[in-house]
Structure formats: structure tokens, C-alpha cells
């Protein structure tokens, strides 16, 4: 893995439409005593109990029209809003959290039940929040000049987080974690947003002050290298950095750290929001930085040629389940 960010010389991709939905924790309820879809979630419960020495790990649900929504449902919702065309050359699908239907992954269900056809489906897993930027590298490797691609990022935390180490500690300093789905309509020809993968970097230090200093150096290197006016950090990364240091990054025009972290979709949701509010304008560049929660960050650069189509889905709209 390289020690410096780099441009691998691969052609950029272009994004014309960003569609997203969010599902905050207050929308969820605990499954108690036993959910009616226990058959689907029981493998997760068995594995969690066995691995961490627990008894009867709880799951949680997001209900709509009397049905429990899955990550696959989230993905279908953003995909169906993304485009009415019946054919995609590529679908790059990234998911890390376990799917509620443990025995039937969402990508397979979507390819079988959706009205559209995909020539080349590509699934990415176990990438955590880095998938938001690492999927751009996969797209640059994959999409040829006249091909169309949908890049879909989705996460839904099925297991109840009771602040035990087994499912991840949640502290006030790191803010809240929320579920989401994001879909990007991409191609290798011209479009609204020119997106270039910038690379990865291992952060050498774990001590708060030196961690912050090292990340600030990386951010300045990125902004100078890509002549970017804006920086968008994974919100958990910004909250993790000590003090108010990120507020003094120069020459960034905008550094904002939302309290809720939307996992792999976080940087894209932040970008869509800033584009929608006119904070980031055509002719400007933004660097998007994802963080894995430990020592690894990756980044891409977005050059705003003109505003893309931006679609936000409210979770209480009509739901089609997969």
C-alpha cells in the first residue's frame, strides 16, 4: 500500500445523478421477543452469540407498511429513483454490515427481482466506510467509454448495538451512526461531476495529537495536489480529530462535520447536501476523505462541471420490498 496519495493514471468517471436516503436510529424498534422473520435473522444471532459469548442477541427493525425493510429494500429504492432505463452495463454494489435476509444477499435479490438488467454486477464487501471512495477506483478500472454504471452503497445495522465491544463502542465524541443507501449514476464520458480516485494512506500514529497532525498534513497534501477549494471528511474522522483543528484547514472554504455518520455513504451525502444548498458550486473542486475508524483513509476528488440531478428519498414514502 502506498505511503503517498497518487493518481494511477486511470481515466476519471463522471456522475450525473446522486440519489440517497437515510435511516436514523430513532426510526428503528427492537425485535422483541421474536421477530416474525426470525428464520432470516437467526444465523446472525447464532454467530453473534457464539463469537462474543452472549445469550439471545437482539435485532432491530425499520417498519414500513407492516413490513421490515432490509438493506436490499434501501438499495432498490435508490436504484429505482436513479434511472428509468431498463439496462445497466455495470452495477458496483458495496455493503459491509450483515444483511437481514442472511441466506440471500441483496445484490442477488435485486438482480432477480428488479425490472432492469445488468451485464456486469460487481459486489464489494468488508470495506466499511472506505467503500464510499474505494468504489470509485473499482469504477475507473471497470467502466469503458460508452458504458453506464450504477454505484450503490448501502448499510443497515441489523444487530442491536447495546454499547458492548462486540458490536462497536459508541461514544459521544464519535457522534451517532445512521444507516443509508446512496446510488450514483456514472459513466466514462462527460457528465456533471468529474470524479477521480486519489489513493489510500496508512496513518502511522494512534495518539490523538499526532494522529490529528498527521491527518491534517494528508488533507493539505490532497488539497494542494488537486487544487481543491473544499474538503469533505468522513464525519467520524472529523469528530475524532482533537480540538477544533479541522476548522482551520486552509485554503478550504467549507469544513463541516455533521454529528451523524452515514458510513460508506457519508461523504456522498455531505457532498449532495452542499451541492443542493449552493455551498459547493460549478467550477469548484472538493476532496472526499473516507476513514475506516482506525488507521486507513482513502480519498477521491470531485470536479463540479455543472450541478448533477440530486434526489433525496424520505423513508416514509411508499416502499417496495425485495
Protein backbone atom coordinates (compact mmCIF):
# COMPACT_ATOMS: atom_id res chain seq x y z
CA UNK A 1 0.00 0.00 0.00
CA UNK A 2 1.47 3.38 -0.98
CA UNK A 3 2.72 5.89 1.56
CA UNK A 4 1.58 8.84 -0.55
CA UNK A 5 -1.54 9.67 -2.46
CA UNK A 6 -1.19 9.17 -6.15
CA UNK A 7 -3.02 9.39 -9.45
CA UNK A 8 -2.77 5.96 -11.03
CA UNK A 9 -3.34 7.42 -14.49
CA UNK A 10 -6.75 5.80 -14.87
CA UNK A 11 -9.40 7.90 -16.59
CA UNK A 12 -11.90 9.71 -14.39
CA UNK A 13 -15.55 8.75 -14.22
CA UNK A 14 -18.48 11.16 -14.39
CA UNK A 15 -21.53 11.23 -12.13
CA UNK A 16 -24.80 12.76 -13.34
CA UNK A 17 -27.21 11.78 -10.57
CA UNK A 18 -26.89 11.22 -6.82
CA UNK A 19 -29.84 9.60 -5.05
CA UNK A 20 -29.81 8.92 -1.32
CA UNK A 21 -31.90 8.01 1.70
CA UNK A 22 -31.05 7.95 5.38
CA UNK A 23 -32.46 5.93 8.26
CA UNK A 24 -31.57 7.31 11.68
CA UNK A 25 -31.74 5.17 14.80
CA UNK A 26 -34.92 6.78 16.16
CA UNK A 27 -36.85 5.19 13.26
CA UNK A 28 -35.98 1.68 14.47
CA UNK A 29 -37.65 -0.58 17.03
CA UNK A 30 -36.23 -3.58 18.88
CA UNK A 31 -37.38 -7.03 17.79
CA UNK A 32 -38.88 -8.45 20.94
CA UNK A 33 -39.48 -11.15 21.90
CA UNK A 34 -39.01 -12.82 18.48
CA UNK A 35 -39.39 -11.20 15.04
CA UNK A 36 -41.72 -12.85 12.54
CA UNK A 37 -38.78 -13.16 10.13
CA UNK A 38 -36.65 -15.00 12.70
CA UNK A 39 -35.71 -17.59 10.07
CA UNK A 40 -33.87 -14.87 8.11
CA UNK A 41 -32.03 -13.24 11.02
CA UNK A 42 -31.32 -16.31 13.17
CA UNK A 43 -27.89 -17.02 11.54
CA UNK A 44 -26.75 -13.55 12.61
CA UNK A 45 -27.98 -14.13 16.18
CA UNK A 46 -26.31 -17.55 16.41
CA UNK A 47 -22.97 -16.23 15.15
CA UNK A 48 -23.05 -13.16 17.38
CA UNK A 49 -23.89 -15.19 20.49
CA UNK A 50 -21.25 -17.83 19.74
CA UNK A 51 -18.45 -15.44 18.80
CA UNK A 52 -18.90 -13.00 21.69
CA UNK A 53 -20.22 -15.40 24.33
CA UNK A 54 -23.63 -13.75 24.55
CA UNK A 55 -27.12 -15.06 25.01
CA UNK A 56 -30.05 -14.04 22.79
CA UNK A 57 -28.56 -11.06 20.97
CA UNK A 58 -31.35 -8.69 19.96
CA UNK A 59 -32.05 -7.46 16.44
CA UNK A 60 -33.76 -4.24 15.38
CA UNK A 61 -36.21 -3.38 12.63
CA UNK A 62 -37.32 -0.50 10.48
CA UNK A 63 -41.00 -1.00 9.66
CA UNK A 64 -42.93 0.34 6.65
CA UNK A 65 -46.46 -0.75 5.69
CA UNK A 66 -46.21 -3.61 8.17
CA UNK A 67 -43.01 -4.99 6.62
CA UNK A 68 -39.44 -4.99 7.88
CA UNK A 69 -37.18 -3.11 5.49
CA UNK A 70 -33.84 -4.65 4.56
CA UNK A 71 -30.68 -3.19 3.07
CA UNK A 72 -31.88 -4.69 -0.21
CA UNK A 73 -35.05 -2.60 0.04
CA UNK A 74 -32.97 0.53 0.64
CA UNK A 75 -30.86 -0.27 -2.42
CA UNK A 76 -33.91 -0.88 -4.61
CA UNK A 77 -35.42 2.44 -3.59
CA UNK A 78 -32.39 4.50 -4.60
CA UNK A 79 -31.80 2.44 -7.75
CA UNK A 80 -35.37 2.85 -8.98
CA UNK A 81 -35.17 6.61 -8.48
CA UNK A 82 -31.78 6.76 -10.18
CA UNK A 83 -32.96 5.95 -13.70
CA UNK A 84 -35.96 4.62 -15.61
CA UNK A 85 -33.78 2.93 -18.22
CA UNK A 86 -34.02 -0.86 -18.29
CA UNK A 87 -30.34 -1.63 -18.81
CA UNK A 88 -27.08 -1.00 -16.96
CA UNK A 89 -23.69 -2.14 -18.17
CA UNK A 90 -22.28 -2.21 -14.63
CA UNK A 91 -23.57 -2.28 -11.10
CA UNK A 92 -20.92 -1.80 -8.42
CA UNK A 93 -22.58 -2.71 -5.13
CA UNK A 94 -20.86 -2.22 -1.75
CA UNK A 95 -22.12 -3.46 1.62
CA UNK A 96 -20.32 -4.34 4.85
CA UNK A 97 -22.97 -4.77 7.57
CA UNK A 98 -24.80 -8.13 7.58
CA UNK A 99 -27.99 -8.22 5.51
CA UNK A 100 -31.20 -9.01 7.40
CA UNK A 101 -32.00 -11.86 4.97
CA UNK A 102 -28.85 -13.72 5.96
CA UNK A 103 -29.19 -16.50 3.38
CA UNK A 104 -29.94 -14.31 0.37
CA UNK A 105 -27.69 -11.34 -0.33
CA UNK A 106 -29.33 -8.13 -1.60
CA UNK A 107 -27.37 -7.96 -4.86
CA UNK A 108 -28.67 -11.38 -5.90
CA UNK A 109 -32.25 -10.49 -4.93
CA UNK A 110 -32.08 -7.20 -6.81
CA UNK A 111 -30.73 -8.78 -9.98
CA UNK A 112 -33.52 -11.36 -9.93
CA UNK A 113 -36.49 -9.20 -8.97
CA UNK A 114 -35.80 -5.77 -10.50
CA UNK A 115 -37.15 -4.76 -13.89
CA UNK A 116 -33.77 -3.64 -15.20
CA UNK A 117 -30.90 -5.78 -16.48
CA UNK A 118 -27.21 -5.59 -15.52
CA UNK A 119 -24.46 -7.03 -17.73
CA UNK A 120 -21.66 -6.94 -15.16
CA UNK A 121 -22.59 -6.92 -11.45
CA UNK A 122 -19.68 -6.41 -9.04
CA UNK A 123 -20.06 -6.84 -5.28
CA UNK A 124 -17.67 -5.30 -2.72
CA UNK A 125 -17.75 -6.24 0.95
CA UNK A 126 -15.86 -5.76 4.22
CA UNK A 127 -14.67 -2.30 3.22
CA UNK A 128 -16.62 -0.30 5.81
CA UNK A 129 -16.76 3.43 5.26
CA UNK A 130 -13.87 3.23 2.76
CA UNK A 131 -16.26 1.80 0.17
CA UNK A 132 -17.54 5.32 -0.49
CA UNK A 133 -14.26 6.25 -2.15
CA UNK A 134 -12.74 2.86 -2.97
CA UNK A 135 -15.74 2.07 -5.20
CA UNK A 136 -14.59 4.96 -7.40
CA UNK A 137 -11.34 3.12 -8.06
CA UNK A 138 -13.30 -0.03 -8.96
CA UNK A 139 -15.47 2.03 -11.33
CA UNK A 140 -12.44 3.62 -13.01
CA UNK A 141 -10.96 0.17 -13.58
CA UNK A 142 -14.23 -1.24 -14.94
CA UNK A 143 -16.26 1.24 -16.97
CA UNK A 144 -15.42 1.62 -20.66
CA UNK A 145 -16.07 4.75 -22.68
CA UNK A 146 -19.71 4.17 -23.71
CA UNK A 147 -20.87 2.16 -20.70
CA UNK A 148 -23.30 3.18 -17.97
CA UNK A 149 -22.87 2.17 -14.33
CA UNK A 150 -24.78 2.39 -11.07
CA UNK A 151 -22.60 2.61 -7.96
CA UNK A 152 -24.68 1.60 -4.94
CA UNK A 153 -23.58 1.96 -1.31
CA UNK A 154 -25.85 0.56 1.39
CA UNK A 155 -25.61 -0.28 5.08
CA UNK A 156 -28.24 -1.32 7.62
CA UNK A 157 -27.20 -2.41 11.11
CA UNK A 158 -29.43 -5.37 11.93
CA UNK A 159 -27.97 -6.27 15.33
CA UNK A 160 -28.88 -4.11 18.30
CA UNK A 161 -25.92 -2.02 19.46
CA UNK A 162 -26.03 -2.12 23.27
CA UNK A 163 -22.64 -0.41 23.65
CA UNK A 164 -20.78 -3.69 24.04
CA UNK A 165 -17.41 -4.01 22.40
CA UNK A 166 -18.62 -6.89 20.27
CA UNK A 167 -20.69 -4.67 18.00
CA UNK A 168 -18.69 -1.47 18.35
CA UNK A 169 -18.49 1.11 21.09
CA UNK A 170 -20.46 4.28 20.58
CA UNK A 171 -19.23 7.35 22.41
CA UNK A 172 -20.45 10.92 22.42
CA UNK A 173 -17.19 12.08 20.88
CA UNK A 174 -17.72 9.92 17.81
CA UNK A 175 -21.32 11.01 17.35
CA UNK A 176 -24.09 8.78 16.08
CA UNK A 177 -24.06 6.19 13.34
CA UNK A 178 -27.01 6.02 10.95
CA UNK A 179 -28.00 3.73 8.09
CA UNK A 180 -28.28 4.81 4.47
CA UNK A 181 -28.32 3.96 0.80
CA UNK A 182 -26.63 6.02 -1.90
CA UNK A 183 -26.74 5.44 -5.66
CA UNK A 184 -24.56 7.22 -8.21
CA UNK A 185 -25.31 7.20 -11.92
CA UNK A 186 -21.88 7.05 -13.55
CA UNK A 187 -20.26 6.82 -16.95
CA UNK A 188 -16.82 7.24 -18.50
CA UNK A 189 -17.87 10.06 -20.85
CA UNK A 190 -18.64 13.66 -19.97
CA UNK A 191 -21.03 14.45 -17.13
CA UNK A 192 -21.86 16.77 -14.26
CA UNK A 193 -19.22 15.65 -11.74
CA UNK A 194 -15.75 14.52 -12.78
CA UNK A 195 -14.64 12.07 -10.10
CA UNK A 196 -11.06 10.84 -9.75
CA UNK A 197 -9.74 8.31 -7.26
CA UNK A 198 -6.88 9.87 -5.28
CA UNK A 199 -5.48 6.89 -3.35
CA UNK A 200 -5.05 5.49 0.16
CA UNK A 201 -2.86 6.32 3.11
CA UNK A 202 -1.98 4.49 6.33
CA UNK A 203 -1.98 6.80 9.36
CA UNK A 204 1.08 5.83 11.38
CA UNK A 205 0.14 7.27 14.78
CA UNK A 206 -2.74 6.38 17.10
CA UNK A 207 -2.06 9.09 19.70
CA UNK A 208 -4.73 11.85 19.49
CA UNK A 209 -2.44 14.85 18.91
CA UNK A 210 -0.06 13.17 16.48
CA UNK A 211 -3.00 11.46 14.73
CA UNK A 212 -4.61 14.85 14.15
CA UNK A 213 -1.35 16.42 12.99
CA UNK A 214 -0.71 13.60 10.54
CA UNK A 215 -4.24 13.72 9.10
CA UNK A 216 -4.06 17.49 8.71
CA UNK A 217 -0.85 17.06 6.73
CA UNK A 218 -2.53 14.49 4.49
CA UNK A 219 -5.53 16.79 3.96
CA UNK A 220 -3.31 19.72 2.95
CA UNK A 221 -1.37 17.46 0.60
CA UNK A 222 -4.61 16.36 -1.04
CA UNK A 223 -6.00 19.86 -1.39
CA UNK A 224 -2.78 21.21 -2.84
CA UNK A 225 -2.34 18.26 -5.20
CA UNK A 226 -5.88 18.50 -6.56
CA UNK A 227 -6.18 22.31 -6.29
CA UNK A 228 -9.41 21.82 -4.32
CA UNK A 229 -11.34 24.55 -2.53
CA UNK A 230 -13.40 22.20 -0.36
CA UNK A 231 -12.72 19.23 1.89
CA UNK A 232 -15.38 16.73 2.96
CA UNK A 233 -14.30 14.42 5.76
CA UNK A 234 -15.98 11.26 6.95
CA UNK A 235 -17.89 12.80 9.84
CA UNK A 236 -16.49 10.31 12.34
CA UNK A 237 -12.97 11.27 11.28
CA UNK A 238 -13.63 14.97 11.86
CA UNK A 239 -15.14 14.29 15.27
CA UNK A 240 -12.23 12.02 16.19
CA UNK A 241 -9.60 14.64 15.48
CA UNK A 242 -8.60 16.56 18.58
CA UNK A 243 -9.76 20.11 19.24
CA UNK A 244 -11.11 22.39 16.54
CA UNK A 245 -8.13 21.83 14.27
CA UNK A 246 -10.13 20.94 11.16
CA UNK A 247 -11.85 24.31 11.25
CA UNK A 248 -8.53 25.98 10.43
CA UNK A 249 -7.61 23.98 7.34
CA UNK A 250 -6.51 26.39 4.63
CA UNK A 251 -7.48 27.12 1.88
CA UNK A 252 -10.69 25.14 2.45
CA UNK A 253 -13.86 27.16 2.09
CA UNK A 254 -16.01 24.56 3.78
CA UNK A 255 -15.17 22.15 6.55
CA UNK A 256 -18.28 20.88 8.28
CA UNK A 257 -18.59 17.77 10.41
CA UNK A 258 -22.16 16.50 10.87
CA UNK A 259 -22.87 14.68 14.13
CA UNK A 260 -24.37 11.65 12.32
CA UNK A 261 -22.05 9.39 10.35
CA UNK A 262 -23.68 7.63 7.39
CA UNK A 263 -20.95 5.03 6.98
CA UNK A 264 -19.80 4.43 3.39
CA UNK A 265 -22.34 6.90 2.01
CA UNK A 266 -21.38 9.70 4.40
CA UNK A 267 -19.05 11.70 2.14
CA UNK A 268 -21.50 11.48 -0.79
CA UNK A 269 -24.46 12.55 1.34
CA UNK A 270 -22.43 15.50 2.59
CA UNK A 271 -21.45 16.38 -0.99
CA UNK A 272 -25.05 16.16 -2.24
CA UNK A 273 -26.22 18.37 0.61
CA UNK A 274 -23.58 21.03 -0.10
CA UNK A 275 -24.34 20.98 -3.82
CA UNK A 276 -28.06 21.30 -3.09
CA UNK A 277 -27.51 24.27 -0.77
CA UNK A 278 -25.10 26.02 -3.15
CA UNK A 279 -22.15 25.75 -0.77
CA UNK A 280 -20.16 23.95 -3.47
CA UNK A 281 -20.66 25.49 -6.92
CA UNK A 282 -19.85 24.64 -10.55
CA UNK A 283 -16.20 25.26 -11.33
CA UNK A 284 -15.06 24.21 -7.84
CA UNK A 285 -13.38 21.05 -6.59
CA UNK A 286 -13.96 19.05 -3.43
CA UNK A 287 -11.82 16.29 -1.94
CA UNK A 288 -13.78 13.49 -0.26
CA UNK A 289 -11.93 11.62 2.51
CA UNK A 290 -13.24 8.33 3.95
CA UNK A 291 -11.93 6.75 7.17
CA UNK A 292 -12.12 3.14 8.33
CA UNK A 293 -12.27 4.09 12.02
CA UNK A 294 -8.69 3.01 12.62
CA UNK A 295 -5.54 3.84 10.61
CA UNK A 296 -6.63 3.85 6.96
CA UNK A 297 -8.10 6.65 4.88
CA UNK A 298 -8.83 6.91 1.16
CA UNK A 299 -9.90 9.81 -0.99
CA UNK A 300 -11.29 10.95 -4.29
CA UNK A 301 -11.56 14.37 -5.92
CA UNK A 302 -14.81 15.75 -7.38
CA UNK A 303 -14.62 18.47 -10.01
CA UNK A 304 -18.05 20.13 -10.33
CA UNK A 305 -18.55 20.84 -14.03
CA UNK A 306 -22.26 21.54 -13.55
CA UNK A 307 -24.84 20.52 -10.96
CA UNK A 308 -25.96 16.88 -11.12
CA UNK A 309 -29.50 15.68 -10.53
CA UNK A 310 -29.95 15.32 -6.76
CA UNK A 311 -32.72 13.12 -5.32
CA UNK A 312 -33.37 12.58 -1.64
CA UNK A 313 -35.87 9.89 -0.66
CA UNK A 314 -37.81 10.25 2.57
CA UNK A 315 -38.02 6.93 4.36
CA UNK A 316 -41.79 7.27 4.90
CA UNK A 317 -42.54 7.25 1.17
CA UNK A 318 -44.14 4.22 -0.46
CA UNK A 319 -41.83 1.24 -0.06
CA UNK A 320 -41.26 -1.61 -2.48
CA UNK A 321 -39.68 -4.55 -0.65
CA UNK A 322 -37.33 -7.12 -2.10
